[in-house]
Amino acid sequence: MKTGQKIGRRGLMVMAAGTIASLTVLTGALSEEFPSKPIEVVIHSKYGGGTDVTARMMMIRTRRNLDVDMSVVSKRGGSGAKAHQYAMSKPRDGYTVLALTQSHLYTIARGKSPLTIDDIVGVARAMDDPTFVTVATKSPYKTLGDLVAASKEKPLNWGVAQIGGTEHIGLAQLAKASGMQFKVVPFGSGAQMVQALMSGAIDATLPNVSEAGSQVRDGTFRALAVMAEKRLNDYPDVPSTFESGYEVKTSTTRGYWVLKGTPPDRIEKLSQAMVKAMNHEVFVNYLKSSGLTPEDSIAGQEVWDKHIKEEYAKAYQALKDLDLLDK
């Protein structure tokens, strides 16, 4: 249209109709029923591992509650960094959910992720797997007090899965609270760490309940404490670190999160669907088979998001104390 040209009545009507149509399309997009297409659950580890299996167990009933399909997508590399990069390439619309373990938090704390902790919004917690302080049955240490006292005289050899991992951080926190010394021996995995304790290659280690519960029950290992605020129902004879005088707790957690900017109503819908699914007997039996309980593991958005931030703060301080943060 030339400058100064008048718009006729018909032209105004056409423009108005176009504007109304555009607004209708926009309104429809904003009010789209969620979810209306498949949801991806992104893991940072290999298919068939614990994170993958936990996600698939969660999805069995969640997909029914949401009435959409769900699939697991593995983006391995950088201890979670590749999964974070993938998430950043996707719209923040609730259709991309990530599985979280502490590895993600350590990667962020060490500055090896494109994300910060403020970019993470917790959706639901699936598993809270506490850590035992264990020695072999033939060990001379009968109590946590015995172990701490011996570790003050000379550093003992403690097995960990990896440097800067959950066991190492938990051990550092216990040492800081008790004043004991330690040496770490990394084995690459929790299973190898447990085997090393059985063979006598190390003095002590910090396996999860799911990793060493059977050895504690059959007497192969002596659990001196569980790193938690209270005793576990299935292990009533094992004192907690809190009651032993050390306010330190460590566990391996698995749960689900989305990037900040995802609509809150969609986060809430995902959270409710997951929590309901994980309280079904299918997932509950999965937890119980690992020696865990739904009461201590499953949590919704508010509890889980707070838990993530608390875990991150503790991990950051421990990694700083261990001089494992990037300069």
Protein backbone atom coordinates (compact mmCIF):
# COMPACT_ATOMS: atom_id res chain seq x y z
CA MET A 1 0.00 0.00 0.00
CA LYS A 2 1.35 3.41 -0.97
CA THR A 3 2.06 6.01 1.71
CA GLY A 4 -1.02 8.05 2.48
CA GLN A 5 -3.39 5.63 0.77
CA LYS A 6 -6.69 5.24 2.66
CA ILE A 7 -7.91 1.85 3.78
CA GLY A 8 -11.45 1.11 2.70
CA ARG A 9 -14.16 -0.51 4.79
CA ARG A 10 -13.57 -3.85 3.08
CA GLY A 11 -9.82 -3.60 3.79
CA LEU A 12 -10.44 -2.95 7.46
CA MET A 13 -12.74 -5.95 7.65
CA VAL A 14 -10.08 -8.19 6.05
CA MET A 15 -7.38 -6.93 8.46
CA ALA A 16 -9.66 -7.46 11.46
CA ALA A 17 -10.48 -10.97 10.34
CA GLY A 18 -6.77 -11.74 9.98
CA THR A 19 -6.02 -10.40 13.44
CA ILE A 20 -8.81 -12.45 15.00
CA ALA A 21 -7.55 -15.58 13.23
CA SER A 22 -4.02 -14.99 14.51
CA LEU A 23 -5.25 -14.50 18.05
CA THR A 24 -7.33 -17.67 17.79
CA VAL A 25 -4.28 -19.70 16.72
CA LEU A 26 -2.18 -18.21 19.55
CA THR A 27 -4.86 -18.84 22.14
CA GLY A 28 -5.25 -22.40 20.92
CA ALA A 29 -1.51 -23.01 21.28
CA LEU A 30 -1.45 -21.64 24.81
CA SER A 31 -4.47 -23.67 25.87
CA GLU A 32 -3.27 -26.93 24.25
CA GLU A 33 -4.05 -29.92 26.41
CA PHE A 34 -0.89 -31.24 28.07
CA PRO A 35 0.43 -33.72 27.32
CA SER A 36 -0.72 -34.35 23.77
CA LYS A 37 2.39 -36.04 22.35
CA PRO A 38 5.11 -38.47 23.56
CA ILE A 39 7.43 -37.46 26.41
CA GLU A 40 11.16 -38.14 26.39
CA VAL A 41 12.96 -39.17 29.58
CA VAL A 42 16.66 -38.38 29.08
CA ILE A 43 19.29 -40.40 30.95
CA HIS A 44 23.04 -39.75 31.09
CA SER A 45 24.08 -43.39 31.40
CA LYS A 46 23.91 -46.60 29.40
CA TYR A 47 20.73 -48.51 28.61
CA GLY A 48 20.20 -51.32 31.08
CA GLY A 49 21.86 -49.53 34.00
CA GLY A 50 20.21 -48.52 37.26
CA THR A 51 19.08 -45.10 36.03
CA ASP A 52 17.55 -46.62 32.90
CA VAL A 53 15.77 -49.42 34.79
CA THR A 54 14.39 -47.00 37.40
CA ALA A 55 13.09 -44.70 34.66
CA ARG A 56 11.37 -47.55 32.83
CA MET A 57 9.77 -48.79 36.03
CA MET A 58 8.47 -45.27 36.71
CA MET A 59 7.12 -44.99 33.17
CA ILE A 60 5.03 -48.19 33.33
CA ARG A 61 2.19 -46.45 35.17
CA THR A 62 3.05 -42.80 34.47
CA ARG A 63 2.29 -43.18 30.75
CA ARG A 64 -1.14 -44.53 31.73
CA ASN A 65 -1.79 -41.64 34.08
CA LEU A 66 -0.83 -39.09 31.40
CA ASP A 67 -2.35 -41.10 28.52
CA VAL A 68 0.69 -40.59 26.27
CA ASP A 69 3.67 -42.68 25.29
CA MET A 70 7.03 -42.16 27.01
CA SER A 71 10.50 -43.21 25.85
CA VAL A 72 14.00 -43.28 27.32
CA VAL A 73 16.75 -41.45 25.44
CA SER A 74 20.39 -41.93 26.44
CA LYS A 75 22.79 -38.99 26.00
CA ARG A 76 26.04 -40.23 27.47
CA GLY A 77 29.12 -38.17 28.13
CA GLY A 78 30.52 -35.69 30.61
CA SER A 79 28.76 -37.22 33.64
CA GLY A 80 25.50 -35.55 32.66
CA ALA A 81 26.86 -32.64 30.59
CA LYS A 82 25.76 -34.16 27.26
CA ALA A 83 22.26 -34.73 28.63
CA HIS A 84 22.17 -31.09 29.76
CA GLN A 85 23.23 -29.88 26.32
CA TYR A 86 20.53 -32.00 24.71
CA ALA A 87 17.88 -30.60 27.05
CA MET A 88 18.92 -27.05 26.20
CA SER A 89 18.28 -27.77 22.52
CA LYS A 90 14.66 -28.71 23.23
CA PRO A 91 11.66 -26.47 24.00
CA ARG A 92 10.93 -25.95 27.70
CA ASP A 93 7.44 -27.33 27.35
CA GLY A 94 7.38 -30.39 29.63
CA TYR A 95 7.97 -32.92 26.86
CA THR A 96 11.65 -33.33 27.78
CA VAL A 97 12.22 -34.72 31.28
CA LEU A 98 15.65 -35.64 32.61
CA ALA A 99 16.61 -38.37 35.07
CA LEU A 100 18.85 -37.01 37.81
CA THR A 101 21.48 -38.61 40.00
CA GLN A 102 24.12 -36.82 42.10
CA SER A 103 26.49 -37.02 39.12
CA HIS A 104 24.55 -34.18 37.51
CA LEU A 105 25.02 -32.01 40.58
CA TYR A 106 28.76 -32.70 40.77
CA THR A 107 29.15 -31.85 37.08
CA ILE A 108 27.34 -28.55 37.55
CA ALA A 109 29.29 -27.72 40.73
CA ARG A 110 32.60 -28.31 38.94
CA GLY A 111 31.61 -25.97 36.11
CA LYS A 112 31.56 -28.73 33.50
CA SER A 113 27.92 -28.22 32.47
CA PRO A 114 26.26 -25.44 30.46
CA LEU A 115 23.69 -25.24 33.28
CA THR A 116 23.69 -23.80 36.77
CA ILE A 117 21.78 -25.23 39.71
CA ASP A 118 19.15 -22.49 39.24
CA ASP A 119 18.28 -23.97 35.81
CA ILE A 120 17.02 -27.18 37.44
CA VAL A 121 13.44 -27.63 38.63
CA GLY A 122 12.68 -30.89 40.41
CA VAL A 123 9.60 -32.84 39.31
CA ALA A 124 9.53 -36.02 41.44
CA ARG A 125 11.92 -38.20 43.43
CA ALA A 126 11.93 -41.93 42.73
CA MET A 127 14.63 -43.34 44.96
CA ASP A 128 16.56 -42.36 48.08
CA ASP A 129 19.16 -45.08 48.69
CA PRO A 130 21.01 -44.46 51.99
CA THR A 131 24.66 -45.25 52.54
CA PHE A 132 26.06 -47.72 55.07
CA VAL A 133 29.42 -47.37 56.78
CA THR A 134 30.66 -50.95 56.54
CA VAL A 135 33.62 -53.13 57.42
CA ALA A 136 34.19 -56.85 56.90
CA THR A 137 32.91 -59.18 59.61
CA LYS A 138 36.48 -60.12 60.58
CA SER A 139 37.38 -56.44 61.07
CA PRO A 140 38.51 -55.41 64.58
CA TYR A 141 36.17 -52.40 64.44
CA LYS A 142 32.86 -53.18 66.14
CA THR A 143 31.32 -49.70 66.22
CA LEU A 144 31.55 -46.42 64.33
CA GLY A 145 33.30 -45.02 67.37
CA ASP A 146 36.00 -47.70 67.06
CA LEU A 147 36.50 -46.89 63.40
CA VAL A 148 36.70 -43.14 63.98
CA ALA A 149 39.17 -43.57 66.84
CA ALA A 150 41.44 -45.78 64.72
CA SER A 151 41.19 -43.31 61.83
CA LYS A 152 42.38 -40.49 64.05
CA GLU A 153 45.58 -42.40 64.80
CA LYS A 154 46.34 -43.16 61.15
CA PRO A 155 44.39 -42.87 57.90
CA LEU A 156 42.66 -46.11 56.92
CA ASN A 157 41.98 -47.22 53.35
CA TRP A 158 38.40 -46.51 52.29
CA GLY A 159 36.95 -47.80 49.05
CA VAL A 160 35.01 -45.42 46.78
CA ALA A 161 33.54 -45.91 43.33
CA GLN A 162 35.29 -42.82 41.99
CA ILE A 163 37.14 -39.70 43.10
CA GLY A 164 34.65 -36.90 43.66
CA GLY A 165 31.71 -39.32 43.64
CA THR A 166 28.96 -39.86 46.19
CA GLU A 167 30.98 -42.12 48.50
CA HIS A 168 34.01 -39.82 48.42
CA ILE A 169 31.87 -36.79 49.25
CA GLY A 170 30.04 -38.65 52.03
CA LEU A 171 33.36 -39.81 53.49
CA ALA A 172 34.75 -36.27 53.38
CA GLN A 173 31.70 -34.99 55.25
CA LEU A 174 32.01 -37.70 57.90
CA ALA A 175 35.73 -36.98 58.31
CA LYS A 176 35.05 -33.28 58.70
CA ALA A 177 32.41 -33.95 61.37
CA SER A 178 34.49 -36.53 63.29
CA GLY A 179 38.03 -35.30 62.80
CA MET A 180 39.25 -38.60 61.34
CA GLN A 181 41.80 -39.11 58.58
CA PHE A 182 41.33 -41.28 55.48
CA LYS A 183 42.82 -42.51 52.22
CA VAL A 184 40.56 -43.22 49.28
CA VAL A 185 40.95 -46.13 46.89
CA PRO A 186 38.78 -45.73 43.75
CA PHE A 187 37.42 -48.88 42.11
CA GLY A 188 35.30 -47.56 39.24
CA SER A 189 31.99 -48.97 40.46
CA GLY A 190 30.04 -49.72 43.59
CA ALA A 191 30.09 -53.45 42.83
CA GLN A 192 33.90 -53.55 42.66
CA MET A 193 34.08 -51.48 45.83
CA VAL A 194 31.93 -54.06 47.65
CA GLN A 195 34.06 -56.93 46.31
CA ALA A 196 37.22 -55.20 47.56
CA LEU A 197 35.82 -55.06 51.08
CA MET A 198 34.93 -58.76 50.91
CA SER A 199 38.50 -59.61 49.85
CA GLY A 200 40.11 -57.47 52.56
CA ALA A 201 41.74 -55.08 50.09
CA ILE A 202 40.34 -52.08 52.00
CA ASP A 203 39.47 -51.33 55.62
CA ALA A 204 36.03 -49.82 55.12
CA THR A 205 33.65 -48.48 52.51
CA LEU A 206 30.31 -46.73 52.05
CA PRO A 207 27.99 -48.84 49.92
CA ASN A 208 24.33 -48.09 49.33
CA VAL A 209 21.66 -50.24 50.99
CA SER A 210 20.76 -51.64 47.56
CA GLU A 211 24.40 -52.62 46.97
CA ALA A 212 25.27 -54.23 50.30
CA GLY A 213 21.99 -55.01 52.03
CA SER A 214 22.28 -58.75 51.42
CA GLN A 215 25.86 -58.87 52.76
CA VAL A 216 24.80 -56.96 55.87
CA ARG A 217 21.88 -59.34 56.44
CA ASP A 218 23.92 -62.51 55.96
CA GLY A 219 26.78 -61.26 58.13
CA THR A 220 29.43 -60.89 55.41
CA PHE A 221 29.64 -57.18 56.24
CA ARG A 222 29.25 -55.40 59.54
CA ALA A 223 27.27 -52.17 59.12
CA LEU A 224 28.58 -49.75 61.74
CA ALA A 225 26.09 -47.02 60.81
CA VAL A 226 23.68 -45.81 58.19
CA MET A 227 24.40 -42.25 57.07
CA ALA A 228 20.95 -40.90 57.84
CA GLU A 229 18.97 -39.06 60.50
CA LYS A 230 17.27 -42.21 61.79
CA ARG A 231 17.59 -45.97 61.66
CA LEU A 232 16.12 -47.90 58.75
CA ASN A 233 13.09 -50.07 59.46
CA ASP A 234 14.65 -53.08 57.73
CA TYR A 235 17.92 -52.69 59.67
CA PRO A 236 16.82 -51.76 63.20
CA ASP A 237 20.13 -52.80 64.77
CA VAL A 238 22.22 -50.42 62.64
CA PRO A 239 22.54 -46.99 64.33
CA SER A 240 22.35 -43.79 62.31
CA THR A 241 25.21 -41.32 62.04
CA PHE A 242 23.01 -38.69 63.69
CA GLU A 243 22.42 -40.77 66.81
CA SER A 244 26.15 -41.60 66.82
CA GLY A 245 26.90 -37.89 67.19
CA TYR A 246 27.72 -36.97 63.57
CA GLU A 247 25.09 -34.93 61.74
CA VAL A 248 26.04 -36.23 58.32
CA LYS A 249 23.77 -38.03 55.87
CA THR A 250 24.58 -39.45 52.45
CA SER A 251 22.47 -41.33 49.95
CA THR A 252 22.22 -41.97 46.25
CA THR A 253 19.09 -40.36 44.87
CA ARG A 254 17.30 -40.74 41.57
CA GLY A 255 14.54 -38.47 40.38
CA TYR A 256 13.27 -36.35 37.52
CA TRP A 257 13.61 -32.70 36.55
CA VAL A 258 12.97 -30.18 33.82
CA LEU A 259 14.60 -26.93 32.84
CA LYS A 260 13.55 -23.66 34.42
CA GLY A 261 10.99 -21.94 32.20
CA THR A 262 8.79 -25.01 31.83
CA PRO A 263 5.19 -23.94 32.65
CA PRO A 264 4.46 -24.60 36.35
CA ASP A 265 1.09 -26.24 35.62
CA ARG A 266 2.82 -28.77 33.37
CA ILE A 267 5.46 -29.48 36.01
CA GLU A 268 2.70 -30.09 38.56
CA LYS A 269 0.85 -32.42 36.19
CA LEU A 270 4.02 -34.42 35.55
CA SER A 271 4.77 -34.57 39.27
CA GLN A 272 1.31 -35.79 40.24
CA ALA A 273 1.33 -38.45 37.51
CA MET A 274 4.78 -39.74 38.50
CA VAL A 275 4.10 -39.80 42.24
CA LYS A 276 0.84 -41.67 41.67
CA ALA A 277 2.60 -44.14 39.38
CA MET A 278 5.48 -44.77 41.77
CA ASN A 279 3.11 -45.44 44.66
CA HIS A 280 1.54 -48.26 42.63
CA GLU A 281 2.57 -51.78 43.65
CA VAL A 282 4.62 -52.24 40.47
CA PHE A 283 7.14 -49.57 41.45
CA VAL A 284 6.79 -50.17 45.19
CA ASN A 285 7.82 -53.81 44.73
CA TYR A 286 10.80 -52.62 42.67
CA LEU A 287 11.90 -50.40 45.56
CA LYS A 288 11.40 -53.15 48.12
CA SER A 289 13.50 -55.55 46.05
CA SER A 290 16.37 -53.08 46.55
CA GLY A 291 15.78 -52.83 50.30
CA LEU A 292 14.10 -49.42 50.02
CA THR A 293 10.68 -48.12 51.03
CA PRO A 294 8.27 -45.84 49.15
CA GLU A 295 7.79 -43.71 52.28
CA ASP A 296 11.47 -42.72 52.32
CA SER A 297 12.02 -42.61 48.56
CA ILE A 298 9.04 -41.19 46.66
CA ALA A 299 8.41 -37.45 46.83
CA GLY A 300 6.67 -34.76 44.81
CA GLN A 301 7.88 -31.55 43.24
CA GLU A 302 8.21 -29.35 46.33
CA VAL A 303 10.12 -31.86 48.48
CA TRP A 304 12.32 -33.07 45.63
CA ASP A 305 13.26 -29.61 44.36
CA LYS A 306 14.32 -28.59 47.88
CA HIS A 307 16.26 -31.85 48.26
CA ILE A 308 18.15 -31.21 45.01
CA LYS A 309 19.24 -27.74 46.13
CA GLU A 310 20.35 -29.05 49.54
CA GLU A 311 22.34 -31.89 47.94
CA TYR A 312 23.99 -29.43 45.57
CA ALA A 313 25.05 -27.09 48.39
CA LYS A 314 26.58 -29.97 50.38
CA ALA A 315 28.32 -31.38 47.31
CA TYR A 316 29.74 -28.00 46.33
CA GLN A 317 31.24 -27.46 49.78
CA ALA A 318 32.66 -31.00 49.93
CA LEU A 319 34.21 -30.72 46.48
CA LYS A 320 35.70 -27.37 47.51
CA ASP A 321 37.14 -28.92 50.68
CA LEU A 322 38.61 -31.75 48.59
CA ASP A 323 40.09 -29.20 46.15
CA LEU A 324 38.19 -30.79 43.28
CA LEU A 325 36.53 -27.66 41.90
CA ASP A 326 37.93 -26.16 38.71
CA LYS A 327 40.13 -23.18 39.37
